[in-house]
Amino acid sequence: MASKDETFRTPAAQGGPLDLLVVGGGINGTGIARDAAGRGASVLLVEQDDLASYTSSASTKLIHGGLRYLEYYEFRLVREALIERERLLRIAPHIIWPMRFVLPYTPQARPAWMLRLGLFLYDHLAPNMTLPKCKSLDFRTNSAGKPLNGTLARGFAYSDGWVQDSRLVVLNAMDAKAHGADIRTRTRLVQARRVNGLWEAVIENTRDGSQTTVQAKILVNAGGPWVSEVLRERAQVDSDKNVRLVKGSHIVVPRLFDGPQAYILQNPDKRIVFAIPYEQKFTLIGTTDVPWTQAPGRVEISPEEISYLCESVSRYFTKPVTPDDVVWSYAGVRPLYDDAAKNASAVTRDYVLDVDTQGNQAPMLSIFGGKITTYRKLAEHALEKLQSFLPVLSAPGWTADQVLPGGDLGEGGFDGAVSRLAAKAPFLDAQLCWRLVRNYGSRATEIVGDARSMADMGEQFGGGLTAREVEYLIAHEWAQTTEDILWRRSRMGLHVTDEDAGRLDTYLRGRQPVAAKSAS
């Protein structure tokens, strides 16, 4: 880290200021950094914690159009999201894959004609959709009805996508770095001010307290739940735009049903709850929508939310779910654009991009709202708004068809990549081989390297997590802590014991820090 008050320069910006300083290492910040760097801009991204530490790792992990948003006439958002769903399935096939959703019909929630109309629109709002269309189900004969209670006779099935959300953030950061961006985690914006037509910002390493002054032509505020704080307190910018914080919580229980399908369940309060296969052995249940007025950051599920989610699924499944069944839970604060809706569930999931220049001064772009499915399109729209201030951003958009790191799976797609890794490393058991490709795609071979046995993979930390994988995550993916590795990179937190986690923590404390290498 540079010494206190040293002015930062990237190689691309020698002799001048940075083009973009991006604040926030969630999906929107990393998506913008990737797109801008690929167009030739010099970019520095700072994140006060780890990549995807907050909202972007606390989603329901769906790449979807948002079926229920049709009820609020969000047709543009749904259409854009459906188009993006197809693109993301192509550019990240290792961490994003199709999933079939079963929607039981209950006349107390929404009438059948409304569901049919909504599903018809969902299948036809966007062109060239490749996923299977909606169809009606008879639960008396269809296997999807087996785990449901006997009061449910029929329903519908439709298609959407599943994503490893925190890995999507990391892959965008890796590709941004491969195109020349500087990605700094555990680095926060202390303050920013306009000086002589530029932004002059003080950033701080949160681990050692050292500070650096950086200059940039444009400041991008992708602070998520902190967007208003960055705007008004750290950059001293007035705005009439506001963020509305809504807490969403999820629970994980032992697997409730067999099969690859997920369930979307309608509640009497008109909200919906998903029950989704998760990590082979579990079911993910969520989410809630609770207004949040406290400071953002680390939030936890409340007992009331746990009860609500348990009751929601128990209303549908033969096997009831109780709070005692919960093996893990997580919660996050969604930074939605404040559209003055009374009901938290009705607040728009669309995004608003606000550019402030305060009379032809250095521009600041702030992002309000958004959803993980539309992050890539949001980044394109953000750069379109900034093109008049920075001509390099007028270069053609390029991210729609460019695969993310590891997404070049080759012949046979995902299954083909698994077969090739198994042939290269026959000592890997089938489950570990599958997991490595599901996490890292074609880059799984970099983790295995020249290993010829499991002993060559180094120390074992449980569940198939090895020192080689850990070192890869440290060197290429900015992982630093046990939490980074177990919960945001490898998703092994549910599969290792406390003793295993303790050994990993000891291992990390005993090694020297290594900066993330280029992802090129």
Protein backbone atom coordinates (compact mmCIF):
# COMPACT_ATOMS: atom_id res chain seq x y z
CA MET A 1 0.00 0.00 0.00
CA ALA A 2 1.23 3.45 -0.83
CA SER A 3 2.31 5.66 2.03
CA LYS A 4 0.01 8.25 3.56
CA ASP A 5 -0.99 11.06 1.19
CA GLU A 6 0.87 9.57 -1.78
CA THR A 7 -1.00 10.21 -5.04
CA PHE A 8 -1.94 6.96 -6.80
CA ARG A 9 -1.35 6.27 -10.50
CA THR A 10 -2.09 3.12 -12.50
CA PRO A 11 0.18 2.31 -15.47
CA ALA A 12 -2.73 3.24 -17.77
CA ALA A 13 -2.96 6.62 -16.12
CA GLN A 14 0.69 7.62 -15.90
CA GLY A 15 0.98 11.38 -16.20
CA GLY A 16 -2.66 12.03 -15.41
CA PRO A 17 -5.61 11.16 -13.20
CA LEU A 18 -7.62 7.97 -13.28
CA ASP A 19 -10.62 7.89 -15.56
CA LEU A 20 -12.93 6.22 -13.04
CA LEU A 21 -12.83 5.70 -9.30
CA VAL A 22 -15.51 3.10 -8.49
CA VAL A 23 -16.67 2.87 -4.87
CA GLY A 24 -18.23 -0.49 -4.01
CA GLY A 25 -17.23 -4.09 -4.72
CA GLY A 26 -20.67 -5.58 -5.21
CA ILE A 27 -22.16 -6.73 -8.48
CA ASN A 28 -22.84 -3.23 -9.86
CA GLY A 29 -19.41 -1.86 -9.00
CA THR A 30 -17.48 -4.80 -10.41
CA GLY A 31 -19.73 -4.90 -13.50
CA ILE A 32 -19.06 -1.25 -14.25
CA ALA A 33 -15.32 -1.65 -13.59
CA ARG A 34 -15.18 -4.59 -15.99
CA ASP A 35 -17.05 -2.84 -18.80
CA ALA A 36 -15.15 0.45 -18.45
CA ALA A 37 -11.73 -1.21 -18.29
CA GLY A 38 -12.57 -3.24 -21.37
CA ARG A 39 -13.32 -0.02 -23.25
CA GLY A 40 -9.88 1.33 -22.41
CA ALA A 41 -10.60 3.44 -19.32
CA SER A 42 -8.21 3.48 -16.36
CA VAL A 43 -10.17 2.21 -13.37
CA LEU A 44 -9.62 1.86 -9.64
CA LEU A 45 -12.27 0.05 -7.61
CA VAL A 46 -12.26 0.22 -3.82
CA GLU A 47 -14.31 -2.01 -1.52
CA GLN A 48 -14.35 -1.45 2.23
CA ASP A 49 -14.61 -5.18 2.99
CA ASP A 50 -14.42 -8.26 0.78
CA LEU A 51 -15.97 -8.49 -2.67
CA ALA A 52 -19.70 -9.27 -2.37
CA SER A 53 -19.57 -8.99 1.41
CA TYR A 54 -23.09 -7.68 1.78
CA THR A 55 -26.07 -7.42 -0.57
CA SER A 56 -24.52 -9.25 -3.52
CA SER A 57 -23.92 -12.45 -1.54
CA ALA A 58 -27.27 -12.31 0.30
CA SER A 59 -29.61 -12.74 -2.66
CA THR A 60 -31.98 -15.62 -3.40
CA LYS A 61 -29.36 -16.52 -6.03
CA LEU A 62 -31.69 -16.36 -9.00
CA ILE A 63 -31.10 -15.10 -12.51
CA HIS A 64 -34.70 -14.36 -13.35
CA GLY A 65 -37.05 -11.95 -15.03
CA GLY A 66 -39.01 -11.52 -11.82
CA LEU A 67 -42.40 -13.14 -12.43
CA ARG A 68 -44.08 -11.29 -9.59
CA TYR A 69 -42.91 -7.90 -10.90
CA LEU A 70 -45.51 -8.24 -13.67
CA GLU A 71 -48.11 -7.71 -10.98
CA TYR A 72 -46.71 -4.20 -10.50
CA TYR A 73 -46.59 -3.53 -14.28
CA GLU A 74 -42.78 -3.55 -14.36
CA PHE A 75 -42.83 -4.76 -17.96
CA ARG A 76 -39.64 -2.99 -19.06
CA LEU A 77 -37.68 -4.36 -16.13
CA VAL A 78 -38.96 -7.90 -16.65
CA ARG A 79 -38.22 -7.82 -20.38
CA GLU A 80 -34.70 -6.50 -19.81
CA ALA A 81 -34.11 -9.12 -17.12
CA LEU A 82 -35.34 -11.96 -19.35
CA ILE A 83 -32.99 -10.86 -22.14
CA GLU A 84 -30.13 -10.64 -19.65
CA ARG A 85 -31.00 -14.08 -18.29
CA GLU A 86 -30.22 -15.57 -21.70
CA ARG A 87 -26.96 -13.63 -22.00
CA LEU A 88 -25.73 -14.57 -18.54
CA LEU A 89 -26.47 -18.24 -19.14
CA ARG A 90 -24.12 -18.01 -22.14
CA ILE A 91 -21.27 -16.01 -20.61
CA ALA A 92 -21.08 -17.82 -17.26
CA PRO A 93 -22.34 -21.38 -17.82
CA HIS A 94 -20.23 -22.76 -14.98
CA ILE A 95 -21.84 -20.66 -12.24
CA ILE A 96 -25.25 -20.01 -13.85
CA TRP A 97 -27.58 -22.76 -15.00
CA PRO A 98 -31.27 -23.26 -15.83
CA MET A 99 -33.73 -24.33 -13.16
CA ARG A 100 -37.36 -25.38 -13.38
CA PHE A 101 -39.77 -23.74 -10.93
CA VAL A 102 -43.04 -25.31 -9.75
CA LEU A 103 -45.86 -22.94 -8.85
CA PRO A 104 -48.69 -24.66 -6.93
CA TYR A 105 -52.12 -23.15 -7.52
CA THR A 106 -54.03 -21.93 -4.48
CA PRO A 107 -57.23 -20.00 -5.23
CA GLN A 108 -56.86 -17.98 -2.01
CA ALA A 109 -53.74 -16.22 -3.37
CA ARG A 110 -54.17 -15.31 -7.04
CA PRO A 111 -56.81 -16.49 -9.54
CA ALA A 112 -55.75 -19.08 -12.11
CA TRP A 113 -56.38 -16.72 -15.04
CA MET A 114 -53.92 -14.20 -13.56
CA LEU A 115 -51.23 -16.85 -13.19
CA ARG A 116 -51.77 -18.11 -16.74
CA LEU A 117 -51.61 -14.58 -18.13
CA GLY A 118 -48.48 -13.77 -16.14
CA LEU A 119 -46.74 -16.95 -17.24
CA PHE A 120 -47.72 -16.37 -20.87
CA LEU A 121 -46.20 -12.88 -20.73
CA TYR A 122 -43.13 -14.29 -18.99
CA ASP A 123 -42.61 -16.71 -21.87
CA HIS A 124 -43.11 -14.09 -24.60
CA LEU A 125 -41.94 -10.68 -23.33
CA ALA A 126 -38.43 -11.15 -24.71
CA PRO A 127 -37.30 -12.57 -28.07
CA ASN A 128 -35.29 -15.73 -28.68
CA MET A 129 -35.70 -17.26 -25.24
CA THR A 130 -34.21 -20.77 -25.14
CA LEU A 131 -35.47 -22.13 -21.82
CA PRO A 132 -38.49 -24.48 -21.75
CA LYS A 133 -41.83 -22.71 -21.69
CA CYS A 134 -44.50 -22.81 -18.98
CA LYS A 135 -46.80 -25.80 -18.72
CA SER A 136 -49.65 -26.94 -16.46
CA LEU A 137 -49.06 -29.73 -13.94
CA ASP A 138 -51.37 -32.30 -12.39
CA PHE A 139 -49.86 -33.05 -8.99
CA ARG A 140 -51.81 -36.32 -8.77
CA THR A 141 -49.66 -37.74 -11.58
CA ASN A 142 -46.60 -35.48 -11.82
CA SER A 143 -43.64 -36.27 -9.55
CA ALA A 144 -43.35 -32.58 -8.62
CA GLY A 145 -46.48 -33.06 -6.52
CA LYS A 146 -45.01 -35.83 -4.38
CA PRO A 147 -43.55 -33.62 -1.60
CA LEU A 148 -46.63 -31.37 -1.52
CA ASN A 149 -49.57 -31.89 0.80
CA GLY A 150 -52.71 -33.52 -0.53
CA THR A 151 -54.74 -30.31 -0.73
CA LEU A 152 -52.81 -29.16 -3.82
CA ALA A 153 -54.06 -30.75 -7.02
CA ARG A 154 -52.55 -28.65 -9.78
CA GLY A 155 -50.05 -25.98 -10.61
CA PHE A 156 -47.63 -24.71 -13.22
CA ALA A 157 -43.97 -25.08 -14.14
CA TYR A 158 -41.76 -22.42 -15.71
CA SER A 159 -38.06 -21.78 -16.24
CA ASP A 160 -35.51 -19.39 -14.75
CA GLY A 161 -31.85 -19.47 -13.78
CA TRP A 162 -29.71 -20.09 -10.70
CA VAL A 163 -26.48 -18.27 -9.92
CA GLN A 164 -23.63 -18.48 -7.46
CA ASP A 165 -24.05 -14.80 -6.67
CA SER A 166 -20.80 -14.00 -4.87
CA ARG A 167 -18.80 -15.85 -7.52
CA LEU A 168 -20.45 -13.75 -10.23
CA VAL A 169 -19.09 -10.66 -8.47
CA VAL A 170 -15.61 -12.14 -8.18
CA LEU A 171 -15.52 -13.17 -11.85
CA ASN A 172 -16.43 -9.65 -12.93
CA ALA A 173 -13.63 -8.30 -10.74
CA MET A 174 -11.19 -10.81 -12.23
CA ASP A 175 -12.10 -9.80 -15.76
CA ALA A 176 -11.90 -6.12 -14.85
CA LYS A 177 -8.37 -6.74 -13.57
CA ALA A 178 -7.48 -8.69 -16.71
CA HIS A 179 -8.43 -5.56 -18.68
CA GLY A 180 -6.23 -3.30 -16.56
CA ALA A 181 -8.43 -2.27 -13.62
CA ASP A 182 -6.97 -2.07 -10.12
CA ILE A 183 -9.22 -3.85 -7.60
CA ARG A 184 -8.56 -3.03 -3.96
CA THR A 185 -10.48 -4.82 -1.24
CA ARG A 186 -10.40 -3.84 2.44
CA THR A 187 -10.06 -0.27 1.17
CA ARG A 188 -12.66 2.37 1.92
CA LEU A 189 -13.39 5.84 0.64
CA VAL A 190 -12.78 8.27 3.48
CA GLN A 191 -13.73 11.45 1.66
CA ALA A 192 -13.89 12.91 -1.83
CA ARG A 193 -14.01 16.49 -3.05
CA ARG A 194 -13.93 18.29 -6.35
CA VAL A 195 -10.64 20.08 -7.03
CA ASN A 196 -9.80 21.80 -10.33
CA GLY A 197 -12.25 19.76 -12.38
CA LEU A 198 -11.25 16.41 -10.85
CA TRP A 199 -12.25 14.26 -7.92
CA GLU A 200 -9.61 14.14 -5.22
CA ALA A 201 -10.32 11.25 -2.90
CA VAL A 202 -8.72 9.84 0.22
CA ILE A 203 -8.88 6.06 0.46
CA GLU A 204 -7.84 4.01 3.47
CA ASN A 205 -6.57 0.47 3.92
CA THR A 206 -8.92 -0.82 6.62
CA ARG A 207 -6.37 -3.31 7.90
CA ASP A 208 -3.43 -1.02 8.65
CA GLY A 209 -5.05 2.43 8.49
CA SER A 210 -2.70 3.77 5.81
CA GLN A 211 -4.24 6.40 3.55
CA THR A 212 -3.67 7.34 -0.08
CA THR A 213 -4.89 10.30 -2.13
CA VAL A 214 -6.17 9.47 -5.61
CA GLN A 215 -7.43 11.66 -8.44
CA ALA A 216 -10.12 10.68 -10.91
CA LYS A 217 -12.12 12.31 -13.66
CA ILE A 218 -15.32 10.53 -12.63
CA LEU A 219 -16.51 9.09 -9.33
CA VAL A 220 -18.90 6.11 -9.55
CA ASN A 221 -20.92 5.56 -6.40
CA ALA A 222 -21.85 1.87 -6.37
CA GLY A 223 -22.05 1.81 -2.59
CA GLY A 224 -25.22 -0.29 -2.45
CA PRO A 225 -26.79 0.22 1.01
CA TRP A 226 -24.20 2.95 1.59
CA VAL A 227 -25.03 4.88 -1.60
CA SER A 228 -26.62 7.79 0.29
CA GLU A 229 -23.77 7.91 2.81
CA VAL A 230 -21.15 8.03 0.05
CA LEU A 231 -23.15 10.67 -1.77
CA ARG A 232 -24.00 13.04 1.07
CA GLU A 233 -21.42 12.41 3.80
CA ARG A 234 -18.22 11.33 2.07
CA ALA A 235 -18.60 13.37 -1.15
CA GLN A 236 -20.75 16.20 0.28
CA VAL A 237 -23.16 16.09 -2.67
CA ASP A 238 -26.83 17.03 -2.35
CA SER A 239 -29.41 14.92 -4.18
CA ASP A 240 -33.17 14.52 -4.27
CA LYS A 241 -32.77 10.76 -4.86
CA ASN A 242 -33.10 8.42 -1.89
CA VAL A 243 -32.46 4.78 -1.21
CA ARG A 244 -34.96 2.60 0.60
CA LEU A 245 -33.41 -0.22 2.61
CA VAL A 246 -35.27 -3.52 2.79
CA LYS A 247 -33.91 -6.52 4.67
CA GLY A 248 -34.25 -9.90 2.99
CA SER A 249 -33.51 -13.05 4.96
CA HIS A 250 -33.13 -16.72 4.05
CA ILE A 251 -32.92 -20.01 5.91
CA VAL A 252 -31.25 -23.28 4.92
CA VAL A 253 -32.66 -26.62 6.09
CA PRO A 254 -31.90 -30.27 5.30
CA ARG A 255 -33.21 -31.16 1.86
CA LEU A 256 -37.03 -31.20 1.78
CA PHE A 257 -37.59 -32.93 -1.55
CA ASP A 258 -35.94 -34.93 -4.29
CA GLY A 259 -35.42 -33.73 -7.83
CA PRO A 260 -33.78 -30.68 -9.43
CA GLN A 261 -36.91 -28.51 -9.38
CA ALA A 262 -37.51 -25.51 -7.12
CA TYR A 263 -40.85 -24.31 -5.76
CA ILE A 264 -42.35 -20.83 -5.76
CA LEU A 265 -45.00 -20.59 -3.06
CA GLN A 266 -47.75 -17.99 -2.74
CA ASN A 267 -48.59 -16.77 0.73
CA PRO A 268 -51.92 -15.37 1.96
CA ASP A 269 -50.24 -11.94 2.30
CA LYS A 270 -49.58 -12.03 -1.50
CA ARG A 271 -45.82 -12.42 -0.98
CA ILE A 272 -43.98 -15.36 -2.50
CA VAL A 273 -41.33 -17.59 -0.98
CA PHE A 274 -38.94 -19.86 -2.84
CA ALA A 275 -37.82 -23.35 -1.79
CA ILE A 276 -34.75 -24.22 -3.84
CA PRO A 277 -32.33 -27.18 -3.93
CA TYR A 278 -29.09 -25.94 -2.38
CA GLU A 279 -25.63 -27.46 -2.14
CA GLN A 280 -26.86 -30.99 -2.88
CA LYS A 281 -27.92 -31.74 0.71
CA PHE A 282 -30.04 -28.74 1.60
CA THR A 283 -33.03 -26.56 0.69
CA LEU A 284 -32.77 -22.77 0.57
CA ILE A 285 -35.92 -20.93 1.67
CA GLY A 286 -36.52 -17.21 1.20
CA THR A 287 -37.00 -14.39 1.16
CA THR A 288 -38.56 -11.85 3.48
CA ASP A 289 -39.12 -8.14 2.85
CA VAL A 290 -38.69 -6.12 6.03
CA PRO A 291 -38.20 -2.33 6.06
CA TRP A 292 -34.76 -1.50 7.47
CA THR A 293 -34.04 1.84 9.13
CA GLN A 294 -30.82 1.00 10.97
CA ALA A 295 -27.29 1.27 9.62
CA PRO A 296 -26.51 -1.18 6.79
CA GLY A 297 -23.83 -3.80 7.17
CA ARG A 298 -23.92 -7.08 9.04
CA VAL A 299 -27.56 -7.97 9.60
CA GLU A 300 -29.16 -11.13 10.93
CA ILE A 301 -32.45 -12.87 10.47
CA SER A 302 -34.99 -12.28 13.23
CA PRO A 303 -36.97 -15.03 15.03
CA GLU A 304 -40.11 -13.61 13.43
CA GLU A 305 -38.63 -13.99 9.95
CA ILE A 306 -37.58 -17.57 10.68
CA SER A 307 -41.12 -18.39 11.82
CA TYR A 308 -42.59 -16.69 8.75
CA LEU A 309 -40.43 -18.72 6.36
CA CYS A 310 -41.05 -21.98 8.21
CA GLU A 311 -44.80 -21.40 8.17
CA SER A 312 -44.70 -20.45 4.49
CA VAL A 313 -43.22 -23.76 3.35
CA SER A 314 -45.04 -25.87 5.92
CA ARG A 315 -48.29 -24.61 4.39
CA TYR A 316 -47.36 -26.47 1.19
CA PHE A 317 -45.13 -29.43 1.99
CA THR A 318 -46.09 -32.71 3.59
CA LYS A 319 -43.06 -32.48 5.85
CA PRO A 320 -43.34 -29.41 8.08
CA VAL A 321 -40.35 -27.16 8.71
CA THR A 322 -39.63 -25.78 12.18
CA PRO A 323 -37.02 -23.31 13.46
CA ASP A 324 -35.11 -26.29 14.90
CA ASP A 325 -34.50 -27.53 11.34
CA VAL A 326 -32.54 -24.42 10.35
CA VAL A 327 -28.85 -25.25 9.84
CA TRP A 328 -27.85 -21.81 8.54
CA SER A 329 -29.39 -18.47 7.79
CA TYR A 330 -28.27 -15.28 6.11
CA ALA A 331 -29.67 -11.81 5.66
CA GLY A 332 -28.84 -8.78 3.57
CA VAL A 333 -30.05 -5.24 3.05
CA ARG A 334 -31.31 -4.42 -0.43
CA PRO A 335 -30.70 -0.80 -1.50
CA LEU A 336 -33.90 -0.18 -3.49
CA TYR A 337 -34.76 3.10 -5.16
CA ASP A 338 -37.29 4.92 -2.98
CA ASP A 339 -40.39 5.22 -5.16
CA ALA A 340 -42.66 6.00 -2.18
CA ALA A 341 -44.43 2.60 -2.28
CA LYS A 342 -46.12 1.84 1.02
CA ASN A 343 -45.44 -1.91 0.95
CA ALA A 344 -41.80 -3.02 1.04
CA SER A 345 -42.63 -5.90 -1.32
CA ALA A 346 -44.02 -3.43 -3.87
CA VAL A 347 -40.94 -1.18 -4.01
CA THR A 348 -39.52 -1.19 -7.53
CA ARG A 349 -36.55 -3.46 -8.25
CA ASP A 350 -35.67 -1.25 -11.20
CA TYR A 351 -32.61 0.99 -11.01
CA VAL A 352 -32.05 4.73 -11.24
CA LEU A 353 -28.73 6.22 -12.40
CA ASP A 354 -28.16 9.76 -11.19
CA VAL A 355 -25.34 11.95 -12.54
CA ASP A 356 -24.39 15.00 -10.51
CA THR A 357 -22.08 17.68 -11.92
CA GLN A 358 -22.93 20.67 -9.69
CA GLY A 359 -22.56 23.11 -12.54
CA ASN A 360 -20.12 21.49 -14.95
CA GLN A 361 -17.84 20.14 -12.25
CA ALA A 362 -16.36 16.63 -12.11
CA PRO A 363 -19.26 14.17 -12.53
CA MET A 364 -20.42 11.66 -9.96
CA LEU A 365 -22.71 8.81 -10.93
CA SER A 366 -24.75 7.20 -8.16
CA ILE A 367 -26.65 3.93 -8.50
CA PHE A 368 -29.98 3.48 -6.73
CA GLY A 369 -31.64 0.07 -6.81
CA GLY A 370 -31.07 -2.70 -9.31
CA LYS A 371 -31.01 -6.48 -9.20
CA ILE A 372 -28.28 -9.01 -9.85
CA THR A 373 -29.85 -10.24 -13.11
CA THR A 374 -29.60 -6.83 -14.77
CA TYR A 375 -26.18 -5.79 -13.49
CA ARG A 376 -24.50 -6.10 -16.90
CA LYS A 377 -27.11 -3.94 -18.64
CA LEU A 378 -26.98 -1.46 -15.75
CA ALA A 379 -23.23 -1.12 -16.36
CA GLU A 380 -23.82 -0.39 -20.05
CA HIS A 381 -26.44 2.23 -19.21
CA ALA A 382 -24.12 3.78 -16.62
CA LEU A 383 -21.29 4.17 -19.13
CA GLU A 384 -23.70 5.60 -21.71
CA LYS A 385 -24.53 8.36 -19.22
CA LEU A 386 -20.82 9.09 -18.76
CA GLN A 387 -19.72 9.07 -22.42
CA SER A 388 -20.04 12.83 -22.85
CA PHE A 389 -17.61 13.32 -19.96
CA LEU A 390 -15.13 10.64 -21.00
CA PRO A 391 -14.89 9.89 -24.75
CA VAL A 392 -13.07 6.57 -24.22
CA LEU A 393 -16.35 5.18 -22.88
CA SER A 394 -17.93 5.68 -26.31
CA ALA A 395 -16.18 2.53 -27.49
CA PRO A 396 -18.69 -0.22 -28.37
CA GLY A 397 -20.15 -2.30 -25.56
CA TRP A 398 -18.45 -5.69 -25.40
CA THR A 399 -19.68 -7.62 -22.39
CA ALA A 400 -22.86 -9.19 -23.83
CA ASP A 401 -21.06 -12.08 -25.50
CA GLN A 402 -17.66 -12.18 -23.78
CA VAL A 403 -17.47 -15.11 -21.38
CA LEU A 404 -16.45 -14.50 -17.80
CA PRO A 405 -13.31 -16.24 -16.45
CA GLY A 406 -13.76 -20.00 -16.58
CA GLY A 407 -16.84 -19.80 -18.79
CA ASP A 408 -15.07 -21.20 -21.85
CA LEU A 409 -16.09 -24.77 -21.01
CA GLY A 410 -15.33 -26.17 -24.46
CA GLU A 411 -16.88 -29.14 -26.22
CA GLY A 412 -19.71 -30.77 -24.33
CA GLY A 413 -20.28 -27.76 -22.11
CA PHE A 414 -20.29 -28.33 -18.36
CA ASP A 415 -20.44 -32.12 -18.52
CA GLY A 416 -17.62 -32.17 -21.05
CA ALA A 417 -15.45 -29.99 -18.79
CA VAL A 418 -16.11 -32.33 -15.85
CA SER A 419 -15.12 -35.35 -17.95
CA ARG A 420 -11.89 -33.73 -19.09
CA LEU A 421 -10.92 -32.76 -15.54
CA ALA A 422 -11.68 -36.29 -14.35
CA ALA A 423 -9.42 -37.67 -17.08
CA LYS A 424 -6.62 -35.22 -16.21
CA ALA A 425 -6.91 -35.85 -12.46
CA PRO A 426 -8.34 -39.36 -11.90
CA PHE A 427 -7.44 -39.14 -8.21
CA LEU A 428 -10.23 -36.58 -7.66
CA ASP A 429 -13.47 -38.15 -6.48
CA ALA A 430 -16.51 -37.45 -8.65
CA GLN A 431 -18.08 -34.95 -6.27
CA LEU A 432 -14.90 -32.89 -5.93
CA CYS A 433 -14.34 -32.92 -9.68
CA TRP A 434 -17.91 -31.71 -10.24
CA ARG A 435 -17.57 -28.98 -7.60
CA LEU A 436 -14.31 -27.62 -8.97
CA VAL A 437 -15.80 -27.23 -12.45
CA ARG A 438 -19.04 -25.80 -11.05
CA ASN A 439 -17.05 -23.15 -9.17
CA TYR A 440 -14.17 -22.42 -11.52
CA GLY A 441 -15.14 -23.78 -14.92
CA SER A 442 -12.17 -24.24 -17.24
CA ARG A 443 -9.87 -22.74 -14.60
CA ALA A 444 -10.28 -25.79 -12.38
CA THR A 445 -7.27 -27.21 -14.20
CA GLU A 446 -5.18 -24.33 -12.83
CA ILE A 447 -6.03 -25.44 -9.31
CA VAL A 448 -5.08 -29.05 -9.97
CA GLY A 449 -1.92 -27.99 -11.82
CA ASP A 450 0.68 -30.76 -11.86
CA ALA A 451 -0.82 -32.70 -8.94
CA ARG A 452 -0.81 -36.48 -9.38
CA SER A 453 -2.51 -37.43 -6.11
CA MET A 454 -4.65 -35.90 -3.37
CA ALA A 455 -1.47 -35.61 -1.31
CA ASP A 456 -0.13 -33.27 -3.98
CA MET A 457 -3.18 -31.01 -3.46
CA GLY A 458 -1.80 -30.08 -0.05
CA GLU A 459 -3.45 -29.83 3.33
CA GLN A 460 -7.08 -30.96 3.49
CA PHE A 461 -9.62 -28.69 5.19
CA GLY A 462 -12.68 -30.91 4.92
CA GLY A 463 -15.30 -31.42 2.23
CA GLY A 464 -12.62 -31.66 -0.47
CA LEU A 465 -11.22 -28.16 0.17
CA THR A 466 -7.45 -28.30 -0.28
CA ALA A 467 -4.50 -25.99 0.12
CA ARG A 468 -4.17 -25.73 -3.67
CA GLU A 469 -7.70 -24.38 -3.95
CA VAL A 470 -7.10 -22.01 -1.06
CA GLU A 471 -3.89 -20.70 -2.62
CA TYR A 472 -5.67 -20.17 -5.94
CA LEU A 473 -8.37 -18.13 -4.19
CA ILE A 474 -5.77 -16.01 -2.43
CA ALA A 475 -3.64 -15.44 -5.52
CA HIS A 476 -6.41 -14.83 -8.08
CA GLU A 477 -9.61 -13.96 -6.23
CA TRP A 478 -8.67 -11.56 -3.39
CA ALA A 479 -9.60 -14.03 -0.67
CA GLN A 480 -7.96 -13.24 2.66
CA THR A 481 -10.01 -14.73 5.49
CA THR A 482 -11.68 -17.99 6.40
CA GLU A 483 -15.07 -16.37 5.83
CA ASP A 484 -14.04 -15.18 2.36
CA ILE A 485 -13.07 -18.71 1.38
CA LEU A 486 -15.80 -20.78 3.03
CA TRP A 487 -18.82 -18.58 2.40
CA ARG A 488 -18.14 -16.37 -0.64
CA ARG A 489 -15.66 -18.26 -2.82
CA SER A 490 -15.99 -22.03 -2.37
CA ARG A 491 -19.41 -22.24 -0.60
CA MET A 492 -17.90 -24.91 1.63
CA GLY A 493 -19.14 -23.38 4.87
CA LEU A 494 -22.03 -25.84 5.04
CA HIS A 495 -19.78 -28.83 4.38
CA VAL A 496 -16.91 -28.41 6.84
CA THR A 497 -16.78 -28.82 10.61
CA ASP A 498 -15.83 -26.12 13.08
CA GLU A 499 -12.56 -27.99 13.54
CA ASP A 500 -11.92 -27.86 9.78
CA ALA A 501 -12.64 -24.12 9.74
CA GLY A 502 -10.25 -23.66 12.64
CA ARG A 503 -7.46 -25.44 10.79
CA LEU A 504 -8.07 -23.25 7.74
CA ASP A 505 -7.89 -20.17 9.92
CA THR A 506 -4.58 -21.37 11.38
CA TYR A 507 -3.26 -22.04 7.89
CA LEU A 508 -4.16 -18.54 6.72
CA ARG A 509 -2.62 -16.90 9.76
CA GLY A 510 0.62 -18.79 9.21
CA ARG A 511 1.25 -17.69 5.63
CA GLN A 512 2.49 -14.45 4.13
CA PRO A 513 -0.07 -12.22 2.34
CA VAL A 514 -0.07 -12.58 -1.44
CA ALA A 515 -1.64 -10.00 -3.76
CA ALA A 516 -4.17 -11.23 -6.31
CA LYS A 517 -2.50 -12.03 -9.62
CA SER A 518 -3.76 -11.02 -13.03
CA ALA A 519 -6.72 -13.05 -14.23
CA SER A 520 -5.53 -12.92 -17.82
